[in-house]
mmCIF file of all heavy atoms, coordinates in Angstrom:
data_MODEL
# 
_entry.id   MODEL 
# 
loop_
_atom_site.group_PDB 
_atom_site.id 
_atom_site.type_symbol 
_atom_site.label_atom_id 
_atom_site.label_alt_id 
_atom_site.label_comp_id 
_atom_site.label_asym_id 
_atom_site.label_entity_id 
_atom_site.label_seq_id 
_atom_site.pdbx_PDB_ins_code 
_atom_site.Cartn_x 
_atom_site.Cartn_y 
_atom_site.Cartn_z 
_atom_site.occupancy 
_atom_site.B_iso_or_equiv 
_atom_site.pdbx_formal_charge 
_atom_site.auth_seq_id 
_atom_site.auth_comp_id 
_atom_site.auth_asym_id 
_atom_site.auth_atom_id 
_atom_site.pdbx_PDB_model_num 
ATOM 1   N N   . ALA A 1 1  ? 45.759 -48.489 109.938 1.00 0.00 ? 1  ALA A N   1 
ATOM 2   C CA  . ALA A 1 1  ? 45.488 -47.048 109.976 1.00 0.00 ? 1  ALA A CA  1 
ATOM 3   C C   . ALA A 1 1  ? 46.154 -46.406 111.199 1.00 0.00 ? 1  ALA A C   1 
ATOM 4   O O   . ALA A 1 1  ? 46.045 -46.900 112.321 1.00 0.00 ? 1  ALA A O   1 
ATOM 5   C CB  . ALA A 1 1  ? 43.988 -46.809 110.010 1.00 0.00 ? 1  ALA A CB  1 
ATOM 6   N N   . VAL A 1 2  ? 46.833 -45.286 110.970 1.00 0.00 ? 2  VAL A N   1 
ATOM 7   C CA  . VAL A 1 2  ? 47.504 -44.564 112.059 1.00 0.00 ? 2  VAL A CA  1 
ATOM 8   C C   . VAL A 1 2  ? 46.537 -43.505 112.579 1.00 0.00 ? 2  VAL A C   1 
ATOM 9   O O   . VAL A 1 2  ? 46.594 -42.327 112.214 1.00 0.00 ? 2  VAL A O   1 
ATOM 10  C CB  . VAL A 1 2  ? 48.834 -43.944 111.584 1.00 0.00 ? 2  VAL A CB  1 
ATOM 11  C CG1 . VAL A 1 2  ? 49.549 -43.250 112.736 1.00 0.00 ? 2  VAL A CG1 1 
ATOM 12  C CG2 . VAL A 1 2  ? 49.727 -45.037 111.003 1.00 0.00 ? 2  VAL A CG2 1 
ATOM 13  N N   . VAL A 1 3  ? 45.633 -43.946 113.436 1.00 0.00 ? 3  VAL A N   1 
ATOM 14  C CA  . VAL A 1 3  ? 44.604 -43.066 113.991 1.00 0.00 ? 3  VAL A CA  1 
ATOM 15  C C   . VAL A 1 3  ? 44.454 -43.369 115.478 1.00 0.00 ? 3  VAL A C   1 
ATOM 16  O O   . VAL A 1 3  ? 44.911 -44.405 115.974 1.00 0.00 ? 3  VAL A O   1 
ATOM 17  C CB  . VAL A 1 3  ? 43.241 -43.269 113.283 1.00 0.00 ? 3  VAL A CB  1 
ATOM 18  C CG1 . VAL A 1 3  ? 43.339 -42.914 111.804 1.00 0.00 ? 3  VAL A CG1 1 
ATOM 19  C CG2 . VAL A 1 3  ? 42.761 -44.717 113.445 1.00 0.00 ? 3  VAL A CG2 1 
ATOM 20  N N   . GLY A 1 4  ? 43.809 -42.453 116.200 1.00 0.00 ? 4  GLY A N   1 
ATOM 21  C CA  . GLY A 1 4  ? 43.491 -42.684 117.605 1.00 0.00 ? 4  GLY A CA  1 
ATOM 22  C C   . GLY A 1 4  ? 44.709 -42.914 118.474 1.00 0.00 ? 4  GLY A C   1 
ATOM 23  O O   . GLY A 1 4  ? 45.694 -42.172 118.407 1.00 0.00 ? 4  GLY A O   1 
ATOM 24  N N   . VAL A 1 5  ? 44.635 -43.966 119.280 1.00 0.00 ? 5  VAL A N   1 
ATOM 25  C CA  . VAL A 1 5  ? 45.714 -44.291 120.219 1.00 0.00 ? 5  VAL A CA  1 
ATOM 26  C C   . VAL A 1 5  ? 47.033 -44.484 119.487 1.00 0.00 ? 5  VAL A C   1 
ATOM 27  O O   . VAL A 1 5  ? 48.081 -43.992 119.923 1.00 0.00 ? 5  VAL A O   1 
ATOM 28  C CB  . VAL A 1 5  ? 45.354 -45.558 121.027 1.00 0.00 ? 5  VAL A CB  1 
ATOM 29  C CG1 . VAL A 1 5  ? 46.563 -46.072 121.788 1.00 0.00 ? 5  VAL A CG1 1 
ATOM 30  C CG2 . VAL A 1 5  ? 44.211 -45.268 121.993 1.00 0.00 ? 5  VAL A CG2 1 
ATOM 31  N N   . LYS A 1 6  ? 46.997 -45.190 118.358 1.00 0.00 ? 6  LYS A N   1 
ATOM 32  C CA  . LYS A 1 6  ? 48.226 -45.446 117.609 1.00 0.00 ? 6  LYS A CA  1 
ATOM 33  C C   . LYS A 1 6  ? 48.852 -44.135 117.135 1.00 0.00 ? 6  LYS A C   1 
ATOM 34  O O   . LYS A 1 6  ? 50.075 -43.937 117.246 1.00 0.00 ? 6  LYS A O   1 
ATOM 35  C CB  . LYS A 1 6  ? 47.949 -46.353 116.411 1.00 0.00 ? 6  LYS A CB  1 
ATOM 36  C CG  . LYS A 1 6  ? 49.193 -46.693 115.601 1.00 0.00 ? 6  LYS A CG  1 
ATOM 37  C CD  . LYS A 1 6  ? 48.871 -47.535 114.379 1.00 0.00 ? 6  LYS A CD  1 
ATOM 38  C CE  . LYS A 1 6  ? 48.534 -48.948 114.739 1.00 0.00 ? 6  LYS A CE  1 
ATOM 39  N NZ  . LYS A 1 6  ? 48.388 -49.804 113.536 1.00 0.00 ? 6  LYS A NZ  1 
ATOM 40  N N   . GLN A 1 7  ? 48.051 -43.235 116.629 1.00 0.00 ? 7  GLN A N   1 
ATOM 41  C CA  . GLN A 1 7  ? 48.571 -41.944 116.155 1.00 0.00 ? 7  GLN A CA  1 
ATOM 42  C C   . GLN A 1 7  ? 49.204 -41.160 117.290 1.00 0.00 ? 7  GLN A C   1 
ATOM 43  O O   . GLN A 1 7  ? 50.294 -40.586 117.144 1.00 0.00 ? 7  GLN A O   1 
ATOM 44  C CB  . GLN A 1 7  ? 47.433 -41.130 115.516 1.00 0.00 ? 7  GLN A CB  1 
ATOM 45  C CG  . GLN A 1 7  ? 47.892 -39.810 114.884 1.00 0.00 ? 7  GLN A CG  1 
ATOM 46  C CD  . GLN A 1 7  ? 47.846 -38.633 115.850 1.00 0.00 ? 7  GLN A CD  1 
ATOM 47  O OE1 . GLN A 1 7  ? 47.324 -38.731 116.950 1.00 0.00 ? 7  GLN A OE1 1 
ATOM 48  N NE2 . GLN A 1 7  ? 48.426 -37.518 115.424 1.00 0.00 ? 7  GLN A NE2 1 
ATOM 49  N N   . ARG A 1 8  ? 48.557 -41.135 118.454 1.00 0.00 ? 8  ARG A N   1 
ATOM 50  C CA  . ARG A 1 8  ? 49.070 -40.342 119.572 1.00 0.00 ? 8  ARG A CA  1 
ATOM 51  C C   . ARG A 1 8  ? 50.383 -40.907 120.113 1.00 0.00 ? 8  ARG A C   1 
ATOM 52  O O   . ARG A 1 8  ? 51.310 -40.156 120.442 1.00 0.00 ? 8  ARG A O   1 
ATOM 53  C CB  . ARG A 1 8  ? 48.013 -40.268 120.674 1.00 0.00 ? 8  ARG A CB  1 
ATOM 54  C CG  . ARG A 1 8  ? 46.775 -39.463 120.278 1.00 0.00 ? 8  ARG A CG  1 
ATOM 55  C CD  . ARG A 1 8  ? 45.875 -39.188 121.463 1.00 0.00 ? 8  ARG A CD  1 
ATOM 56  N NE  . ARG A 1 8  ? 45.229 -40.386 121.989 1.00 0.00 ? 8  ARG A NE  1 
ATOM 57  C CZ  . ARG A 1 8  ? 44.079 -40.869 121.533 1.00 0.00 ? 8  ARG A CZ  1 
ATOM 58  N NH1 . ARG A 1 8  ? 43.464 -40.279 120.512 1.00 0.00 ? 8  ARG A NH1 1 
ATOM 59  N NH2 . ARG A 1 8  ? 43.534 -41.941 122.097 1.00 0.00 ? 8  ARG A NH2 1 
ATOM 60  N N   . ARG A 1 9  ? 50.457 -42.219 120.194 1.00 0.00 ? 9  ARG A N   1 
ATOM 61  C CA  . ARG A 1 9  ? 51.702 -42.825 120.689 1.00 0.00 ? 9  ARG A CA  1 
ATOM 62  C C   . ARG A 1 9  ? 52.856 -42.583 119.722 1.00 0.00 ? 9  ARG A C   1 
ATOM 63  O O   . ARG A 1 9  ? 53.962 -42.193 120.131 1.00 0.00 ? 9  ARG A O   1 
ATOM 64  C CB  . ARG A 1 9  ? 51.494 -44.322 120.889 1.00 0.00 ? 9  ARG A CB  1 
ATOM 65  C CG  . ARG A 1 9  ? 50.553 -44.693 122.021 1.00 0.00 ? 9  ARG A CG  1 
ATOM 66  C CD  . ARG A 1 9  ? 50.315 -46.191 122.039 1.00 0.00 ? 9  ARG A CD  1 
ATOM 67  N NE  . ARG A 1 9  ? 49.489 -46.635 123.150 1.00 0.00 ? 9  ARG A NE  1 
ATOM 68  C CZ  . ARG A 1 9  ? 49.131 -47.884 123.361 1.00 0.00 ? 9  ARG A CZ  1 
ATOM 69  N NH1 . ARG A 1 9  ? 49.528 -48.833 122.506 1.00 0.00 ? 9  ARG A NH1 1 
ATOM 70  N NH2 . ARG A 1 9  ? 48.387 -48.218 124.398 1.00 0.00 ? 9  ARG A NH2 1 
ATOM 71  N N   . LEU A 1 10 ? 52.615 -42.830 118.437 1.00 0.00 ? 10 LEU A N   1 
ATOM 72  C CA  . LEU A 1 10 ? 53.666 -42.640 117.435 1.00 0.00 ? 10 LEU A CA  1 
ATOM 73  C C   . LEU A 1 10 ? 54.083 -41.181 117.346 1.00 0.00 ? 10 LEU A C   1 
ATOM 74  O O   . LEU A 1 10 ? 55.275 -40.864 117.225 1.00 0.00 ? 10 LEU A O   1 
ATOM 75  C CB  . LEU A 1 10 ? 53.191 -43.150 116.074 1.00 0.00 ? 10 LEU A CB  1 
ATOM 76  C CG  . LEU A 1 10 ? 53.006 -44.661 115.947 1.00 0.00 ? 10 LEU A CG  1 
ATOM 77  C CD1 . LEU A 1 10 ? 52.366 -45.014 114.615 1.00 0.00 ? 10 LEU A CD1 1 
ATOM 78  C CD2 . LEU A 1 10 ? 54.333 -45.388 116.101 1.00 0.00 ? 10 LEU A CD2 1 
ATOM 79  N N   . LYS A 1 11 ? 53.107 -40.282 117.415 1.00 0.00 ? 11 LYS A N   1 
ATOM 80  C CA  . LYS A 1 11 ? 53.419 -38.853 117.352 1.00 0.00 ? 11 LYS A CA  1 
ATOM 81  C C   . LYS A 1 11 ? 54.331 -38.441 118.503 1.00 0.00 ? 11 LYS A C   1 
ATOM 82  O O   . LYS A 1 11 ? 55.310 -37.701 118.311 1.00 0.00 ? 11 LYS A O   1 
ATOM 83  C CB  . LYS A 1 11 ? 52.129 -38.038 117.387 1.00 0.00 ? 11 LYS A CB  1 
ATOM 84  C CG  . LYS A 1 11 ? 52.332 -36.525 117.281 1.00 0.00 ? 11 LYS A CG  1 
ATOM 85  C CD  . LYS A 1 11 ? 50.980 -35.803 117.280 1.00 0.00 ? 11 LYS A CD  1 
ATOM 86  C CE  . LYS A 1 11 ? 51.186 -34.297 117.166 1.00 0.00 ? 11 LYS A CE  1 
ATOM 87  N NZ  . LYS A 1 11 ? 49.859 -33.583 117.165 1.00 0.00 ? 11 LYS A NZ  1 
ATOM 88  N N   . ALA A 1 12 ? 54.033 -38.931 119.695 1.00 0.00 ? 12 ALA A N   1 
ATOM 89  C CA  . ALA A 1 12 ? 54.855 -38.588 120.864 1.00 0.00 ? 12 ALA A CA  1 
ATOM 90  C C   . ALA A 1 12 ? 56.282 -39.090 120.704 1.00 0.00 ? 12 ALA A C   1 
ATOM 91  O O   . ALA A 1 12 ? 57.250 -38.375 121.020 1.00 0.00 ? 12 ALA A O   1 
ATOM 92  C CB  . ALA A 1 12 ? 54.216 -39.156 122.122 1.00 0.00 ? 12 ALA A CB  1 
ATOM 93  N N   . LEU A 1 13 ? 56.443 -40.309 120.218 1.00 0.00 ? 13 LEU A N   1 
ATOM 94  C CA  . LEU A 1 13 ? 57.788 -40.857 120.013 1.00 0.00 ? 13 LEU A CA  1 
ATOM 95  C C   . LEU A 1 13 ? 58.539 -40.068 118.951 1.00 0.00 ? 13 LEU A C   1 
ATOM 96  O O   . LEU A 1 13 ? 59.712 -39.695 119.133 1.00 0.00 ? 13 LEU A O   1 
ATOM 97  C CB  . LEU A 1 13 ? 57.689 -42.326 119.601 1.00 0.00 ? 13 LEU A CB  1 
ATOM 98  C CG  . LEU A 1 13 ? 57.259 -43.318 120.685 1.00 0.00 ? 13 LEU A CG  1 
ATOM 99  C CD1 . LEU A 1 13 ? 56.900 -44.657 120.070 1.00 0.00 ? 13 LEU A CD1 1 
ATOM 100 C CD2 . LEU A 1 13 ? 58.359 -43.494 121.732 1.00 0.00 ? 13 LEU A CD2 1 
ATOM 101 N N   . LEU A 1 14 ? 57.888 -39.806 117.824 1.00 0.00 ? 14 LEU A N   1 
ATOM 102 C CA  . LEU A 1 14 ? 58.555 -39.130 116.705 1.00 0.00 ? 14 LEU A CA  1 
ATOM 103 C C   . LEU A 1 14 ? 58.889 -37.682 117.047 1.00 0.00 ? 14 LEU A C   1 
ATOM 104 O O   . LEU A 1 14 ? 59.973 -37.195 116.701 1.00 0.00 ? 14 LEU A O   1 
ATOM 105 C CB  . LEU A 1 14 ? 57.675 -39.205 115.463 1.00 0.00 ? 14 LEU A CB  1 
ATOM 106 C CG  . LEU A 1 14 ? 57.504 -40.615 114.872 1.00 0.00 ? 14 LEU A CG  1 
ATOM 107 C CD1 . LEU A 1 14 ? 56.378 -40.647 113.849 1.00 0.00 ? 14 LEU A CD1 1 
ATOM 108 C CD2 . LEU A 1 14 ? 58.813 -41.100 114.250 1.00 0.00 ? 14 LEU A CD2 1 
ATOM 109 N N   . GLN A 1 15 ? 57.979 -36.994 117.724 1.00 0.00 ? 15 GLN A N   1 
ATOM 110 C CA  . GLN A 1 15 ? 58.245 -35.599 118.082 1.00 0.00 ? 15 GLN A CA  1 
ATOM 111 C C   . GLN A 1 15 ? 59.413 -35.481 119.040 1.00 0.00 ? 15 GLN A C   1 
ATOM 112 O O   . GLN A 1 15 ? 60.118 -34.467 119.043 1.00 0.00 ? 15 GLN A O   1 
ATOM 113 C CB  . GLN A 1 15 ? 56.999 -34.966 118.692 1.00 0.00 ? 15 GLN A CB  1 
ATOM 114 C CG  . GLN A 1 15 ? 55.926 -34.600 117.680 1.00 0.00 ? 15 GLN A CG  1 
ATOM 115 C CD  . GLN A 1 15 ? 54.761 -33.878 118.323 1.00 0.00 ? 15 GLN A CD  1 
ATOM 116 O OE1 . GLN A 1 15 ? 54.458 -34.059 119.509 1.00 0.00 ? 15 GLN A OE1 1 
ATOM 117 N NE2 . GLN A 1 15 ? 54.091 -33.040 117.546 1.00 0.00 ? 15 GLN A NE2 1 
ATOM 118 N N   . ASN A 1 16 ? 59.628 -36.500 119.848 1.00 0.00 ? 16 ASN A N   1 
ATOM 119 C CA  . ASN A 1 16 ? 60.706 -36.454 120.837 1.00 0.00 ? 16 ASN A CA  1 
ATOM 120 C C   . ASN A 1 16 ? 61.933 -37.253 120.417 1.00 0.00 ? 16 ASN A C   1 
ATOM 121 O O   . ASN A 1 16 ? 62.855 -37.425 121.209 1.00 0.00 ? 16 ASN A O   1 
ATOM 122 C CB  . ASN A 1 16 ? 60.179 -36.942 122.184 1.00 0.00 ? 16 ASN A CB  1 
ATOM 123 C CG  . ASN A 1 16 ? 59.220 -35.959 122.812 1.00 0.00 ? 16 ASN A CG  1 
ATOM 124 O OD1 . ASN A 1 16 ? 59.641 -35.023 123.480 1.00 0.00 ? 16 ASN A OD1 1 
ATOM 125 N ND2 . ASN A 1 16 ? 57.919 -36.156 122.596 1.00 0.00 ? 16 ASN A ND2 1 
ATOM 126 N N   . ASP A 1 17 ? 61.930 -37.740 119.172 1.00 0.00 ? 17 ASP A N   1 
ATOM 127 C CA  . ASP A 1 17 ? 63.090 -38.420 118.591 1.00 0.00 ? 17 ASP A CA  1 
ATOM 128 C C   . ASP A 1 17 ? 63.519 -39.632 119.408 1.00 0.00 ? 17 ASP A C   1 
ATOM 129 O O   . ASP A 1 17 ? 64.717 -39.905 119.562 1.00 0.00 ? 17 ASP A O   1 
ATOM 130 C CB  . ASP A 1 17 ? 64.255 -37.427 118.452 1.00 0.00 ? 17 ASP A CB  1 
ATOM 131 C CG  . ASP A 1 17 ? 65.122 -37.708 117.228 1.00 0.00 ? 17 ASP A CG  1 
ATOM 132 O OD1 . ASP A 1 17 ? 64.652 -38.436 116.326 1.00 0.00 ? 17 ASP A OD1 1 
ATOM 133 O OD2 . ASP A 1 17 ? 66.259 -37.198 117.175 1.00 0.00 ? 17 ASP A OD2 1 
ATOM 134 N N   . ILE A 1 18 ? 62.523 -40.371 119.933 1.00 0.00 ? 18 ILE A N   1 
ATOM 135 C CA  . ILE A 1 18 ? 62.791 -41.549 120.759 1.00 0.00 ? 18 ILE A CA  1 
ATOM 136 C C   . ILE A 1 18 ? 62.635 -42.819 119.928 1.00 0.00 ? 18 ILE A C   1 
ATOM 137 O O   . ILE A 1 18 ? 61.618 -43.010 119.258 1.00 0.00 ? 18 ILE A O   1 
ATOM 138 C CB  . ILE A 1 18 ? 61.849 -41.608 121.972 1.00 0.00 ? 18 ILE A CB  1 
ATOM 139 C CG1 . ILE A 1 18 ? 62.071 -40.396 122.878 1.00 0.00 ? 18 ILE A CG1 1 
ATOM 140 C CG2 . ILE A 1 18 ? 62.051 -42.905 122.765 1.00 0.00 ? 18 ILE A CG2 1 
ATOM 141 C CD1 . ILE A 1 18 ? 61.099 -40.319 124.044 1.00 0.00 ? 18 ILE A CD1 1 
ATOM 142 N N   . ASN A 1 19 ? 63.633 -43.675 119.966 1.00 0.00 ? 19 ASN A N   1 
ATOM 143 C CA  . ASN A 1 19 ? 63.553 -44.981 119.313 1.00 0.00 ? 19 ASN A CA  1 
ATOM 144 C C   . ASN A 1 19 ? 62.671 -45.919 120.141 1.00 0.00 ? 19 ASN A C   1 
ATOM 145 O O   . ASN A 1 19 ? 62.785 -45.949 121.370 1.00 0.00 ? 19 ASN A O   1 
ATOM 146 C CB  . ASN A 1 19 ? 64.944 -45.600 119.202 1.00 0.00 ? 19 ASN A CB  1 
ATOM 147 C CG  . ASN A 1 19 ? 65.872 -44.785 118.322 1.00 0.00 ? 19 ASN A CG  1 
ATOM 148 O OD1 . ASN A 1 19 ? 65.852 -44.902 117.113 1.00 0.00 ? 19 ASN A OD1 1 
ATOM 149 N ND2 . ASN A 1 19 ? 66.692 -43.938 118.951 1.00 0.00 ? 19 ASN A ND2 1 
ATOM 150 N N   . LEU A 1 20 ? 61.821 -46.673 119.467 1.00 0.00 ? 20 LEU A N   1 
ATOM 151 C CA  . LEU A 1 20 ? 61.073 -47.735 120.138 1.00 0.00 ? 20 LEU A CA  1 
ATOM 152 C C   . LEU A 1 20 ? 61.620 -49.073 119.671 1.00 0.00 ? 20 LEU A C   1 
ATOM 153 O O   . LEU A 1 20 ? 61.626 -49.373 118.470 1.00 0.00 ? 20 LEU A O   1 
ATOM 154 C CB  . LEU A 1 20 ? 59.578 -47.649 119.814 1.00 0.00 ? 20 LEU A CB  1 
ATOM 155 C CG  . LEU A 1 20 ? 58.737 -48.803 120.387 1.00 0.00 ? 20 LEU A CG  1 
ATOM 156 C CD1 . LEU A 1 20 ? 58.738 -48.772 121.918 1.00 0.00 ? 20 LEU A CD1 1 
ATOM 157 C CD2 . LEU A 1 20 ? 57.306 -48.762 119.850 1.00 0.00 ? 20 LEU A CD2 1 
ATOM 158 N N   . VAL A 1 21 ? 62.071 -49.874 120.627 1.00 0.00 ? 21 VAL A N   1 
ATOM 159 C CA  . VAL A 1 21 ? 62.627 -51.197 120.346 1.00 0.00 ? 21 VAL A CA  1 
ATOM 160 C C   . VAL A 1 21 ? 61.836 -52.214 121.152 1.00 0.00 ? 21 VAL A C   1 
ATOM 161 O O   . VAL A 1 21 ? 61.648 -52.050 122.364 1.00 0.00 ? 21 VAL A O   1 
ATOM 162 C CB  . VAL A 1 21 ? 64.126 -51.253 120.724 1.00 0.00 ? 21 VAL A CB  1 
ATOM 163 C CG1 . VAL A 1 21 ? 64.680 -52.654 120.503 1.00 0.00 ? 21 VAL A CG1 1 
ATOM 164 C CG2 . VAL A 1 21 ? 64.907 -50.230 119.914 1.00 0.00 ? 21 VAL A CG2 1 
ATOM 165 N N   . ALA A 1 22 ? 61.354 -53.251 120.467 1.00 0.00 ? 22 ALA A N   1 
ATOM 166 C CA  . ALA A 1 22 ? 60.526 -54.254 121.135 1.00 0.00 ? 22 ALA A CA  1 
ATOM 167 C C   . ALA A 1 22 ? 60.983 -55.658 120.763 1.00 0.00 ? 22 ALA A C   1 
ATOM 168 O O   . ALA A 1 22 ? 61.310 -55.927 119.606 1.00 0.00 ? 22 ALA A O   1 
ATOM 169 C CB  . ALA A 1 22 ? 59.056 -54.069 120.745 1.00 0.00 ? 22 ALA A CB  1 
ATOM 170 N N   . TYR A 1 23 ? 60.990 -56.531 121.757 1.00 0.00 ? 23 TYR A N   1 
ATOM 171 C CA  . TYR A 1 23 ? 61.281 -57.948 121.537 1.00 0.00 ? 23 TYR A CA  1 
ATOM 172 C C   . TYR A 1 23 ? 60.214 -58.756 122.259 1.00 0.00 ? 23 TYR A C   1 
ATOM 173 O O   . TYR A 1 23 ? 60.077 -58.659 123.482 1.00 0.00 ? 23 TYR A O   1 
ATOM 174 C CB  . TYR A 1 23 ? 62.672 -58.311 122.045 1.00 0.00 ? 23 TYR A CB  1 
ATOM 175 C CG  . TYR A 1 23 ? 63.770 -57.692 121.228 1.00 0.00 ? 23 TYR A CG  1 
ATOM 176 C CD1 . TYR A 1 23 ? 64.422 -56.537 121.662 1.00 0.00 ? 23 TYR A CD1 1 
ATOM 177 C CD2 . TYR A 1 23 ? 64.146 -58.250 119.999 1.00 0.00 ? 23 TYR A CD2 1 
ATOM 178 C CE1 . TYR A 1 23 ? 65.424 -55.961 120.891 1.00 0.00 ? 23 TYR A CE1 1 
ATOM 179 C CE2 . TYR A 1 23 ? 65.138 -57.674 119.233 1.00 0.00 ? 23 TYR A CE2 1 
ATOM 180 C CZ  . TYR A 1 23 ? 65.769 -56.529 119.684 1.00 0.00 ? 23 TYR A CZ  1 
ATOM 181 O OH  . TYR A 1 23 ? 66.750 -55.945 118.914 1.00 0.00 ? 23 TYR A OH  1 
ATOM 182 N N   . HIS A 1 24 ? 59.490 -59.559 121.483 1.00 0.00 ? 24 HIS A N   1 
ATOM 183 C CA  . HIS A 1 24 ? 58.392 -60.332 122.042 1.00 0.00 ? 24 HIS A CA  1 
ATOM 184 C C   . HIS A 1 24 ? 58.848 -61.762 122.341 1.00 0.00 ? 24 HIS A C   1 
ATOM 185 O O   . HIS A 1 24 ? 59.444 -62.015 123.393 1.00 0.00 ? 24 HIS A O   1 
ATOM 186 C CB  . HIS A 1 24 ? 57.192 -60.288 121.089 1.00 0.00 ? 24 HIS A CB  1 
ATOM 187 C CG  . HIS A 1 24 ? 55.977 -60.948 121.641 1.00 0.00 ? 24 HIS A CG  1 
ATOM 188 N ND1 . HIS A 1 24 ? 55.278 -61.922 120.954 1.00 0.00 ? 24 HIS A ND1 1 
ATOM 189 C CD2 . HIS A 1 24 ? 55.347 -60.802 122.833 1.00 0.00 ? 24 HIS A CD2 1 
ATOM 190 C CE1 . HIS A 1 24 ? 54.261 -62.322 121.694 1.00 0.00 ? 24 HIS A CE1 1 
ATOM 191 N NE2 . HIS A 1 24 ? 54.280 -61.663 122.842 1.00 0.00 ? 24 HIS A NE2 1 
ATOM 192 N N   . LEU A 1 25 ? 58.631 -62.718 121.458 1.00 0.00 ? 25 LEU A N   1 
ATOM 193 C CA  . LEU A 1 25 ? 59.041 -64.101 121.716 1.00 0.00 ? 25 LEU A CA  1 
ATOM 194 C C   . LEU A 1 25 ? 60.539 -64.245 121.994 1.00 0.00 ? 25 LEU A C   1 
ATOM 195 O O   . LEU A 1 25 ? 60.929 -65.027 122.869 1.00 0.00 ? 25 LEU A O   1 
ATOM 196 C CB  . LEU A 1 25 ? 58.624 -65.001 120.558 1.00 0.00 ? 25 LEU A CB  1 
ATOM 197 C CG  . LEU A 1 25 ? 57.123 -65.257 120.406 1.00 0.00 ? 25 LEU A CG  1 
ATOM 198 C CD1 . LEU A 1 25 ? 56.851 -66.165 119.208 1.00 0.00 ? 25 LEU A CD1 1 
ATOM 199 C CD2 . LEU A 1 25 ? 56.524 -65.863 121.672 1.00 0.00 ? 25 LEU A CD2 1 
# 
């Protein structure tokens, strides 16, 4: 579900046209 913290973070990235790139292992 895209709610709460997840919604706010994604909204900020999408509104500002910022790519999120992540590499874990």
